[in-house]
Amino acid sequence: STIALFVESLKKGNALAVGNRFSEKIKKGVMPWHH
């Protein structure tokens, strides 16, 4: 559902748009702690 946000970022002039999983709190156990 966030695909539109990436396309919007490119349409605004960015050549590359990268997701940020750390922008919101990651639930415990979803990502290995050392990652």
Full PDB file with SEQRES, HELIX, SHEET, SSBOND, CRYST1, ORIGX, SCALE, CONECT and MASTER records, all heavy atoms in Angstrom:
SEQRES   1 A   35  SER THR ILE ALA LEU PHE VAL GLU SER LEU LYS LYS GLY          
SEQRES   2 A   35  ASN ALA LEU ALA VAL GLY ASN ARG PHE SER GLU LYS ILE          
SEQRES   3 A   35  LYS LYS GLY VAL MET PRO TRP HIS HIS                          
HELIX    1 AA1 ILE A    3  LYS A   11  1                                   9    
HELIX    2 AA2 ARG A   21  SER A   23  5                                   3    
CRYST1    1.000    1.000    1.000  90.00  90.00  90.00 P 1           1          
ORIGX1      1.000000  0.000000  0.000000        0.00000                         
ORIGX2      0.000000  1.000000  0.000000        0.00000                         
ORIGX3      0.000000  0.000000  1.000000        0.00000                         
SCALE1      1.000000  0.000000  0.000000        0.00000                         
SCALE2      0.000000  1.000000  0.000000        0.00000                         
SCALE3      0.000000  0.000000  1.000000        0.00000                         
ATOM      1  N   SER A   1       0.818  -1.221   0.000  1.00  0.00           N  
ATOM      2  CA  SER A   1       0.000   0.000   0.000  1.00  0.00           C  
ATOM      3  C   SER A   1       0.850   1.269   0.000  1.00  0.00           C  
ATOM      4  O   SER A   1       0.340   2.360  -0.278  1.00  0.00           O  
ATOM      5  CB  SER A   1      -0.942   0.010   1.208  1.00  0.00           C  
ATOM      6  OG  SER A   1      -0.206   0.119   2.419  1.00  0.00           O  
ATOM      7  N   THR A   2       2.149   1.136   0.306  1.00  0.00           N  
ATOM      8  CA  THR A   2       3.039   2.309   0.311  1.00  0.00           C  
ATOM      9  C   THR A   2       3.698   2.544  -1.052  1.00  0.00           C  
ATOM     10  O   THR A   2       4.513   3.458  -1.185  1.00  0.00           O  
ATOM     11  CB  THR A   2       4.132   2.153   1.382  1.00  0.00           C  
ATOM     12  OG1 THR A   2       4.860   0.941   1.139  1.00  0.00           O  
ATOM     13  CG2 THR A   2       3.533   2.097   2.776  1.00  0.00           C  
ATOM     14  N   ILE A   3       3.351   1.735  -2.051  1.00  0.00           N  
ATOM     15  CA  ILE A   3       3.951   1.897  -3.382  1.00  0.00           C  
ATOM     16  C   ILE A   3       3.752   3.313  -3.902  1.00  0.00           C  
ATOM     17  O   ILE A   3       4.673   3.919  -4.480  1.00  0.00           O  
ATOM     18  CB  ILE A   3       3.357   0.866  -4.368  1.00  0.00           C  
ATOM     19  CG1 ILE A   3       3.884  -0.531  -4.039  1.00  0.00           C  
ATOM     20  CG2 ILE A   3       3.687   1.241  -5.820  1.00  0.00           C  
ATOM     21  CD1 ILE A   3       3.278  -1.638  -4.884  1.00  0.00           C  
ATOM     22  N   ALA A   4       2.561   3.860  -3.679  1.00  0.00           N  
ATOM     23  CA  ALA A   4       2.262   5.210  -4.175  1.00  0.00           C  
ATOM     24  C   ALA A   4       3.209   6.253  -3.584  1.00  0.00           C  
ATOM     25  O   ALA A   4       3.559   7.240  -4.250  1.00  0.00           O  
ATOM     26  CB  ALA A   4       0.820   5.581  -3.856  1.00  0.00           C  
ATOM     27  N   LEU A   5       3.655   6.038  -2.336  1.00  0.00           N  
ATOM     28  CA  LEU A   5       4.572   6.986  -1.694  1.00  0.00           C  
ATOM     29  C   LEU A   5       5.931   6.995  -2.392  1.00  0.00           C  
ATOM     30  O   LEU A   5       6.562   8.042  -2.537  1.00  0.00           O  
ATOM     31  CB  LEU A   5       4.749   6.641  -0.213  1.00  0.00           C  
ATOM     32  CG  LEU A   5       3.490   6.706   0.667  1.00  0.00           C  
ATOM     33  CD1 LEU A   5       3.808   6.266   2.091  1.00  0.00           C  
ATOM     34  CD2 LEU A   5       2.920   8.123   0.666  1.00  0.00           C  
ATOM     35  N   PHE A   6       6.365   5.824  -2.826  1.00  0.00           N  
ATOM     36  CA  PHE A   6       7.653   5.734  -3.531  1.00  0.00           C  
ATOM     37  C   PHE A   6       7.555   6.394  -4.905  1.00  0.00           C  
ATOM     38  O   PHE A   6       8.470   7.130  -5.318  1.00  0.00           O  
ATOM     39  CB  PHE A   6       8.061   4.264  -3.687  1.00  0.00           C  
ATOM     40  CG  PHE A   6       8.549   3.636  -2.422  1.00  0.00           C  
ATOM     41  CD1 PHE A   6       7.649   3.068  -1.529  1.00  0.00           C  
ATOM     42  CD2 PHE A   6       9.887   3.621  -2.105  1.00  0.00           C  
ATOM     43  CE1 PHE A   6       8.084   2.474  -0.352  1.00  0.00           C  
ATOM     44  CE2 PHE A   6      10.351   3.041  -0.939  1.00  0.00           C  
ATOM     45  CZ  PHE A   6       9.437   2.464  -0.042  1.00  0.00           C  
ATOM     46  N   VAL A   7       6.470   6.135  -5.611  1.00  0.00           N  
ATOM     47  CA  VAL A   7       6.288   6.753  -6.933  1.00  0.00           C  
ATOM     48  C   VAL A   7       6.184   8.269  -6.798  1.00  0.00           C  
ATOM     49  O   VAL A   7       6.746   9.025  -7.604  1.00  0.00           O  
ATOM     50  CB  VAL A   7       5.036   6.181  -7.620  1.00  0.00           C  
ATOM     51  CG1 VAL A   7       4.768   6.899  -8.939  1.00  0.00           C  
ATOM     52  CG2 VAL A   7       5.189   4.681  -7.848  1.00  0.00           C  
ATOM     53  N   GLU A   8       5.490   8.713  -5.775  1.00  0.00           N  
ATOM     54  CA  GLU A   8       5.360  10.157  -5.529  1.00  0.00           C  
ATOM     55  C   GLU A   8       6.728  10.789  -5.275  1.00  0.00           C  
ATOM     56  O   GLU A   8       7.019  11.888  -5.761  1.00  0.00           O  
ATOM     57  CB  GLU A   8       4.451  10.387  -4.322  1.00  0.00           C  
ATOM     58  CG  GLU A   8       4.218  11.864  -4.002  1.00  0.00           C  
ATOM     59  CD  GLU A   8       3.370  12.060  -2.758  1.00  0.00           C  
ATOM     60  OE1 GLU A   8       2.870  11.064  -2.201  1.00  0.00           O  
ATOM     61  OE2 GLU A   8       3.221  13.225  -2.332  1.00  0.00           O  
ATOM     62  N   SER A   9       7.586  10.082  -4.531  1.00  0.00           N  
ATOM     63  CA  SER A   9       8.933  10.585  -4.263  1.00  0.00           C  
ATOM     64  C   SER A   9       9.729  10.745  -5.550  1.00  0.00           C  
ATOM     65  O   SER A   9      10.442  11.740  -5.737  1.00  0.00           O  
ATOM     66  CB  SER A   9       9.665   9.631  -3.315  1.00  0.00           C  
ATOM     67  OG  SER A   9      10.992  10.060  -3.077  1.00  0.00           O  
ATOM     68  N   LEU A  10       9.602   9.776  -6.452  1.00  0.00           N  
ATOM     69  CA  LEU A  10      10.305   9.867  -7.744  1.00  0.00           C  
ATOM     70  C   LEU A  10       9.740  10.988  -8.606  1.00  0.00           C  
ATOM     71  O   LEU A  10      10.482  11.701  -9.284  1.00  0.00           O  
ATOM     72  CB  LEU A  10      10.222   8.536  -8.484  1.00  0.00           C  
ATOM     73  CG  LEU A  10      10.875   7.320  -7.806  1.00  0.00           C  
ATOM     74  CD1 LEU A  10      10.756   6.097  -8.711  1.00  0.00           C  
ATOM     75  CD2 LEU A  10      12.335   7.588  -7.472  1.00  0.00           C  
ATOM     76  N   LYS A  11       8.422  11.149  -8.582  1.00  0.00           N  
ATOM     77  CA  LYS A  11       7.797  12.199  -9.382  1.00  0.00           C  
ATOM     78  C   LYS A  11       8.175  13.594  -8.879  1.00  0.00           C  
ATOM     79  O   LYS A  11       8.120  14.565  -9.641  1.00  0.00           O  
ATOM     80  CB  LYS A  11       6.280  12.023  -9.376  1.00  0.00           C  
ATOM     81  CG  LYS A  11       5.791  10.853 -10.217  1.00  0.00           C  
ATOM     82  CD  LYS A  11       4.275  10.769 -10.251  1.00  0.00           C  
ATOM     83  CE  LYS A  11       3.801   9.656 -11.177  1.00  0.00           C  
ATOM     84  NZ  LYS A  11       2.317   9.551 -11.233  1.00  0.00           N  
ATOM     85  N   LYS A  12       8.554  13.679  -7.611  1.00  0.00           N  
ATOM     86  CA  LYS A  12       8.973  14.967  -7.055  1.00  0.00           C  
ATOM     87  C   LYS A  12      10.411  15.330  -7.438  1.00  0.00           C  
ATOM     88  O   LYS A  12      10.887  16.414  -7.117  1.00  0.00           O  
ATOM     89  CB  LYS A  12       8.841  14.942  -5.528  1.00  0.00           C  
ATOM     90  CG  LYS A  12       7.404  15.038  -5.030  1.00  0.00           C  
ATOM     91  CD  LYS A  12       7.370  15.053  -3.501  1.00  0.00           C  
ATOM     92  CE  LYS A  12       5.948  15.216  -2.987  1.00  0.00           C  
ATOM     93  NZ  LYS A  12       5.907  15.211  -1.489  1.00  0.00           N  
ATOM     94  N   GLY A  13      11.099  14.403  -8.107  1.00  0.00           N  
ATOM     95  CA  GLY A  13      12.443  14.720  -8.579  1.00  0.00           C  
ATOM     96  C   GLY A  13      13.538  13.807  -8.084  1.00  0.00           C  
ATOM     97  O   GLY A  13      14.687  13.923  -8.531  1.00  0.00           O  
ATOM     98  N   ASN A  14      13.236  12.906  -7.157  1.00  0.00           N  
ATOM     99  CA  ASN A  14      14.253  11.973  -6.690  1.00  0.00           C  
ATOM    100  C   ASN A  14      14.502  10.898  -7.734  1.00  0.00           C  
ATOM    101  O   ASN A  14      13.569  10.412  -8.376  1.00  0.00           O  
ATOM    102  CB  ASN A  14      13.830  11.331  -5.365  1.00  0.00           C  
ATOM    103  CG  ASN A  14      13.882  12.315  -4.209  1.00  0.00           C  
ATOM    104  OD1 ASN A  14      14.855  13.046  -4.054  1.00  0.00           O  
ATOM    105  ND2 ASN A  14      12.834  12.339  -3.399  1.00  0.00           N  
ATOM    106  N   ALA A  15      15.765  10.518  -7.893  1.00  0.00           N  
ATOM    107  CA  ALA A  15      16.106   9.439  -8.827  1.00  0.00           C  
ATOM    108  C   ALA A  15      15.960   8.083  -8.158  1.00  0.00           C  
ATOM    109  O   ALA A  15      15.717   7.075  -8.816  1.00  0.00           O  
ATOM    110  CB  ALA A  15      17.534   9.619  -9.325  1.00  0.00           C  
ATOM    111  N   LEU A  16      16.112   8.074  -6.839  1.00  0.00           N  
ATOM    112  CA  LEU A  16      16.029   6.842  -6.058  1.00  0.00           C  
ATOM    113  C   LEU A  16      15.261   7.137  -4.778  1.00  0.00           C  
ATOM    114  O   LEU A  16      15.488   8.175  -4.137  1.00  0.00           O  
ATOM    115  CB  LEU A  16      17.439   6.334  -5.732  1.00  0.00           C  
ATOM    116  CG  LEU A  16      17.577   5.136  -4.795  1.00  0.00           C  
ATOM    117  CD1 LEU A  16      16.975   3.882  -5.438  1.00  0.00           C  
ATOM    118  CD2 LEU A  16      19.048   4.897  -4.454  1.00  0.00           C  
ATOM    119  N   ALA A  17      14.356   6.263  -4.409  1.00  0.00           N  
ATOM    120  CA  ALA A  17      13.599   6.394  -3.156  1.00  0.00           C  
ATOM    121  C   ALA A  17      13.774   5.099  -2.367  1.00  0.00           C  
ATOM    122  O   ALA A  17      13.499   4.013  -2.882  1.00  0.00           O  
ATOM    123  CB  ALA A  17      12.117   6.644  -3.435  1.00  0.00           C  
ATOM    124  N   VAL A  18      14.267   5.224  -1.132  1.00  0.00           N  
ATOM    125  CA  VAL A  18      14.570   4.060  -0.303  1.00  0.00           C  
ATOM    126  C   VAL A  18      13.675   4.062   0.926  1.00  0.00           C  
ATOM    127  O   VAL A  18      13.502   5.096   1.579  1.00  0.00           O  
ATOM    128  CB  VAL A  18      16.057   4.063   0.131  1.00  0.00           C  
ATOM    129  CG1 VAL A  18      16.380   2.818   0.950  1.00  0.00           C  
ATOM    130  CG2 VAL A  18      16.967   4.160  -1.080  1.00  0.00           C  
ATOM    131  N   GLY A  19      13.105   2.910   1.251  1.00  0.00           N  
ATOM    132  CA  GLY A  19      12.260   2.806   2.430  1.00  0.00           C  
ATOM    133  C   GLY A  19      13.057   2.909   3.716  1.00  0.00           C  
ATOM    134  O   GLY A  19      14.235   2.554   3.759  1.00  0.00           O  
ATOM    135  N   ASN A  20      12.414   3.399   4.751  1.00  0.00           N  
ATOM    136  CA  ASN A  20      13.038   3.481   6.076  1.00  0.00           C  
ATOM    137  C   ASN A  20      12.169   2.731   7.080  1.00  0.00           C  
ATOM    138  O   ASN A  20      11.136   3.218   7.523  1.00  0.00           O  
ATOM    139  CB  ASN A  20      13.215   4.940   6.502  1.00  0.00           C  
ATOM    140  CG  ASN A  20      13.867   5.061   7.876  1.00  0.00           C  
ATOM    141  OD1 ASN A  20      14.346   4.076   8.442  1.00  0.00           O  
ATOM    142  ND2 ASN A  20      13.887   6.269   8.419  1.00  0.00           N  
ATOM    143  N   ARG A  21      12.605   1.518   7.444  1.00  0.00           N  
ATOM    144  CA  ARG A  21      11.847   0.694   8.370  1.00  0.00           C  
ATOM    145  C   ARG A  21      11.948   1.188   9.811  1.00  0.00           C  
ATOM    146  O   ARG A  21      11.182   0.770  10.666  1.00  0.00           O  
ATOM    147  CB  ARG A  21      12.346  -0.756   8.300  1.00  0.00           C  
ATOM    148  CG  ARG A  21      12.098  -1.420   6.955  1.00  0.00           C  
ATOM    149  CD  ARG A  21      12.869  -2.719   6.829  1.00  0.00           C  
ATOM    150  NE  ARG A  21      14.301  -2.482   6.740  1.00  0.00           N  
ATOM    151  CZ  ARG A  21      15.213  -3.452   6.621  1.00  0.00           C  
ATOM    152  NH1 ARG A  21      14.821  -4.724   6.575  1.00  0.00           N  
ATOM    153  NH2 ARG A  21      16.494  -3.158   6.534  1.00  0.00           N  
ATOM    154  N   PHE A  22      12.916   2.079  10.059  1.00  0.00           N  
ATOM    155  CA  PHE A  22      13.143   2.570  11.417  1.00  0.00           C  
ATOM    156  C   PHE A  22      12.368   3.857  11.706  1.00  0.00           C  
ATOM    157  O   PHE A  22      12.510   4.435  12.777  1.00  0.00           O  
ATOM    158  CB  PHE A  22      14.637   2.799  11.649  1.00  0.00           C  
ATOM    159  CG  PHE A  22      15.453   1.547  11.496  1.00  0.00           C  
ATOM    160  CD1 PHE A  22      16.132   1.277  10.315  1.00  0.00           C  
ATOM    161  CD2 PHE A  22      15.533   0.620  12.522  1.00  0.00           C  
ATOM    162  CE1 PHE A  22      16.883   0.121  10.167  1.00  0.00           C  
ATOM    163  CE2 PHE A  22      16.275  -0.543  12.382  1.00  0.00           C  
ATOM    164  CZ  PHE A  22      16.956  -0.792  11.200  1.00  0.00           C  
ATOM    165  N   SER A  23      11.588   4.297  10.735  1.00  0.00           N  
ATOM    166  CA  SER A  23      10.795   5.516  10.948  1.00  0.00           C  
ATOM    167  C   SER A  23       9.689   5.269  11.968  1.00  0.00           C  
ATOM    168  O   SER A  23       9.194   6.183  12.612  1.00  0.00           O  
ATOM    169  CB  SER A  23      10.192   5.997   9.625  1.00  0.00           C  
ATOM    170  OG  SER A  23       9.389   4.971   9.049  1.00  0.00           O  
ATOM    171  N   GLU A  24       9.267   4.013  12.090  1.00  0.00           N  
ATOM    172  CA  GLU A  24       8.302   3.609  13.104  1.00  0.00           C  
ATOM    173  C   GLU A  24       8.926   2.509  13.957  1.00  0.00           C  
ATOM    174  O   GLU A  24       9.834   1.809  13.514  1.00  0.00           O  
ATOM    175  CB  GLU A  24       7.013   3.096  12.456  1.00  0.00           C  
ATOM    176  CG  GLU A  24       6.269   4.142  11.638  1.00  0.00           C  
ATOM    177  CD  GLU A  24       4.954   3.608  11.089  1.00  0.00           C  
ATOM    178  OE1 GLU A  24       4.478   2.582  11.629  1.00  0.00           O  
ATOM    179  OE2 GLU A  24       4.434   4.201  10.138  1.00  0.00           O  
ATOM    180  N   LYS A  25       8.443   2.364  15.172  1.00  0.00           N  
ATOM    181  CA  LYS A  25       8.998   1.354  16.065  1.00  0.00           C  
ATOM    182  C   LYS A  25       8.750  -0.033  15.494  1.00  0.00           C  
ATOM    183  O   LYS A  25       7.622  -0.404  15.171  1.00  0.00           O  
ATOM    184  CB  LYS A  25       8.369   1.467  17.457  1.00  0.00           C  
ATOM    185  CG  LYS A  25       9.004   0.534  18.480  1.00  0.00           C  
ATOM    186  CD  LYS A  25       8.419   0.732  19.870  1.00  0.00           C  
ATOM    187  CE  LYS A  25       9.086  -0.199  20.880  1.00  0.00           C  
ATOM    188  NZ  LYS A  25       8.531  -0.023  22.242  1.00  0.00           N  
ATOM    189  N   ILE A  26       9.816  -0.801  15.368  1.00  0.00           N  
ATOM    190  CA  ILE A  26       9.711  -2.163  14.849  1.00  0.00           C  
ATOM    191  C   ILE A  26       9.297  -3.085  15.994  1.00  0.00           C  
ATOM    192  O   ILE A  26       9.897  -3.070  17.070  1.00  0.00           O  
ATOM    193  CB  ILE A  26      11.050  -2.621  14.240  1.00  0.00           C  
ATOM    194  CG1 ILE A  26      11.420  -1.721  13.054  1.00  0.00           C  
ATOM    195  CG2 ILE A  26      10.983  -4.075  13.803  1.00  0.00           C  
ATOM    196  CD1 ILE A  26      12.777  -2.023  12.452  1.00  0.00           C  
ATOM    197  N   LYS A  27       8.283  -3.881  15.736  1.00  0.00           N  
ATOM    198  CA  LYS A  27       7.788  -4.779  16.774  1.00  0.00           C  
ATOM    199  C   LYS A  27       8.853  -5.804  17.156  1.00  0.00           C  
ATOM    200  O   LYS A  27       9.655  -6.234  16.323  1.00  0.00           O  
ATOM    201  CB  LYS A  27       6.524  -5.488  16.293  1.00  0.00           C  
ATOM    202  CG  LYS A  27       5.333  -4.563  16.107  1.00  0.00           C  
ATOM    203  CD  LYS A  27       4.104  -5.337  15.642  1.00  0.00           C  
ATOM    204  CE  LYS A  27       2.910  -4.403  15.437  1.00  0.00           C  
ATOM    205  NZ  LYS A  27       1.713  -5.142  14.964  1.00  0.00           N  
ATOM    206  N   LYS A  28       8.853  -6.182  18.403  1.00  0.00           N  
ATOM    207  CA  LYS A  28       9.840  -7.117  18.933  1.00  0.00           C  
ATOM    208  C   LYS A  28       9.781  -8.442  18.175  1.00  0.00           C  
ATOM    209  O   LYS A  28       8.715  -9.016  17.963  1.00  0.00           O  
ATOM    210  CB  LYS A  28       9.584  -7.351  20.419  1.00  0.00           C  
ATOM    211  CG  LYS A  28      10.674  -8.182  21.097  1.00  0.00           C  
ATOM    212  CD  LYS A  28      10.427  -8.301  22.585  1.00  0.00           C  
ATOM    213  CE  LYS A  28      11.522  -9.113  23.258  1.00  0.00           C  
ATOM    214  NZ  LYS A  28      11.283  -9.244  24.736  1.00  0.00           N  
ATOM    215  N   GLY A  29      10.948  -8.915  17.753  1.00  0.00           N  
ATOM    216  CA  GLY A  29      11.045 -10.194  17.072  1.00  0.00           C  
ATOM    217  C   GLY A  29      10.867 -10.143  15.574  1.00  0.00           C  
ATOM    218  O   GLY A  29      11.136 -11.135  14.884  1.00  0.00           O  
ATOM    219  N   VAL A  30      10.422  -9.004  15.041  1.00  0.00           N  
ATOM    220  CA  VAL A  30      10.210  -8.885  13.598  1.00  0.00           C  
ATOM    221  C   VAL A  30      11.546  -8.849  12.846  1.00  0.00           C  
ATOM    222  O   VAL A  30      11.699  -9.450  11.787  1.00  0.00           O  
ATOM    223  CB  VAL A  30       9.369  -7.630  13.273  1.00  0.00           C  
ATOM    224  CG1 VAL A  30       9.334  -7.374  11.770  1.00  0.00           C  
ATOM    225  CG2 VAL A  30       7.948  -7.801  13.810  1.00  0.00           C  
ATOM    226  N   MET A  31      12.526  -8.149  13.418  1.00  0.00           N  
ATOM    227  CA  MET A  31      13.857  -8.067  12.826  1.00  0.00           C  
ATOM    228  C   MET A  31      14.872  -8.607  13.833  1.00  0.00           C  
ATOM    229  O   MET A  31      14.788  -8.277  15.015  1.00  0.00           O  
ATOM    230  CB  MET A  31      14.204  -6.609  12.466  1.00  0.00           C  
ATOM    231  CG  MET A  31      15.568  -6.445  11.795  1.00  0.00           C  
ATOM    232  SD  MET A  31      16.004  -4.698  11.473  1.00  0.00           S  
ATOM    233  CE  MET A  31      14.821  -4.282  10.197  1.00  0.00           C  
ATOM    234  N   PRO A  32      15.821  -9.462  13.410  1.00  0.00           N  
ATOM    235  CA  PRO A  32      16.847  -9.949  14.330  1.00  0.00           C  
ATOM    236  C   PRO A  32      17.551  -8.787  15.027  1.00  0.00           C  
ATOM    237  O   PRO A  32      17.853  -7.770  14.395  1.00  0.00           O  
ATOM    238  CB  PRO A  32      17.813 -10.716  13.416  1.00  0.00           C  
ATOM    239  CG  PRO A  32      16.974 -11.130  12.256  1.00  0.00           C  
ATOM    240  CD  PRO A  32      15.982 -10.014  12.051  1.00  0.00           C  
ATOM    241  N   TRP A  33      17.810  -8.948  16.323  1.00  0.00           N  
ATOM    242  CA  TRP A  33      18.354  -7.831  17.109  1.00  0.00           C  
ATOM    243  C   TRP A  33      19.685  -7.329  16.572  1.00  0.00           C  
ATOM    244  O   TRP A  33      19.964  -6.121  16.586  1.00  0.00           O  
ATOM    245  CB  TRP A  33      18.509  -8.251  18.577  1.00  0.00           C  
ATOM    246  CG  TRP A  33      19.580  -9.287  18.808  1.00  0.00           C  
ATOM    247  CD1 TRP A  33      19.444 -10.642  18.803  1.00  0.00           C  
ATOM    248  CD2 TRP A  33      20.980  -9.032  19.043  1.00  0.00           C  
ATOM    249  NE1 TRP A  33      20.645 -11.263  19.021  1.00  0.00           N  
ATOM    250  CE2 TRP A  33      21.611 -10.300  19.183  1.00  0.00           C  
ATOM    251  CE3 TRP A  33      21.738  -7.881  19.158  1.00  0.00           C  
ATOM    252  CZ2 TRP A  33      22.972 -10.437  19.432  1.00  0.00           C  
ATOM    253  CZ3 TRP A  33      23.106  -8.005  19.398  1.00  0.00           C  
ATOM    254  CH2 TRP A  33      23.707  -9.267  19.541  1.00  0.00           C  
ATOM    255  N   HIS A  34      20.550  -8.242  16.063  1.00  0.00           N  
ATOM    256  CA  HIS A  34      21.856  -7.796  15.573  1.00  0.00           C  
ATOM    257  C   HIS A  34      21.730  -7.057  14.245  1.00  0.00           C  
ATOM    258  O   HIS A  34      22.627  -6.300  13.865  1.00  0.00           O  
ATOM    259  CB  HIS A  34      22.836  -8.963  15.448  1.00  0.00           C  
ATOM    260  CG  HIS A  34      22.338 -10.133  14.665  1.00  0.00           C  
ATOM    261  ND1 HIS A  34      21.356 -10.979  15.112  1.00  0.00           N  
ATOM    262  CD2 HIS A  34      22.695 -10.599  13.446  1.00  0.00           C  
ATOM    263  CE1 HIS A  34      21.127 -11.916  14.212  1.00  0.00           C  
ATOM    264  NE2 HIS A  34      21.909 -11.708  13.187  1.00  0.00           N  
ATOM    265  N   HIS A  35      20.636  -7.259  13.511  1.00  0.00           N  
ATOM    266  CA  HIS A  35      20.371  -6.458  12.312  1.00  0.00           C  
ATOM    267  C   HIS A  35      19.818  -5.084  12.720  1.00  0.00           C  
ATOM    268  O   HIS A  35      20.218  -4.054  12.166  1.00  0.00           O  
ATOM    269  CB  HIS A  35      19.348  -7.145  11.408  1.00  0.00           C  
ATOM    270  CG  HIS A  35      19.839  -8.427  10.826  1.00  0.00           C  
ATOM    271  ND1 HIS A  35      19.045  -9.223  10.013  1.00  0.00           N  
ATOM    272  CD2 HIS A  35      21.024  -9.062  10.924  1.00  0.00           C  
ATOM    273  CE1 HIS A  35      19.733 -10.293   9.645  1.00  0.00           C  
ATOM    274  NE2 HIS A  35      20.921 -10.224  10.195  1.00  0.00           N  
TER     275      HIS A  35                                                      
MASTER        0    0    0    2    0    0    0    6  274    1    0    3          
END                                                                             
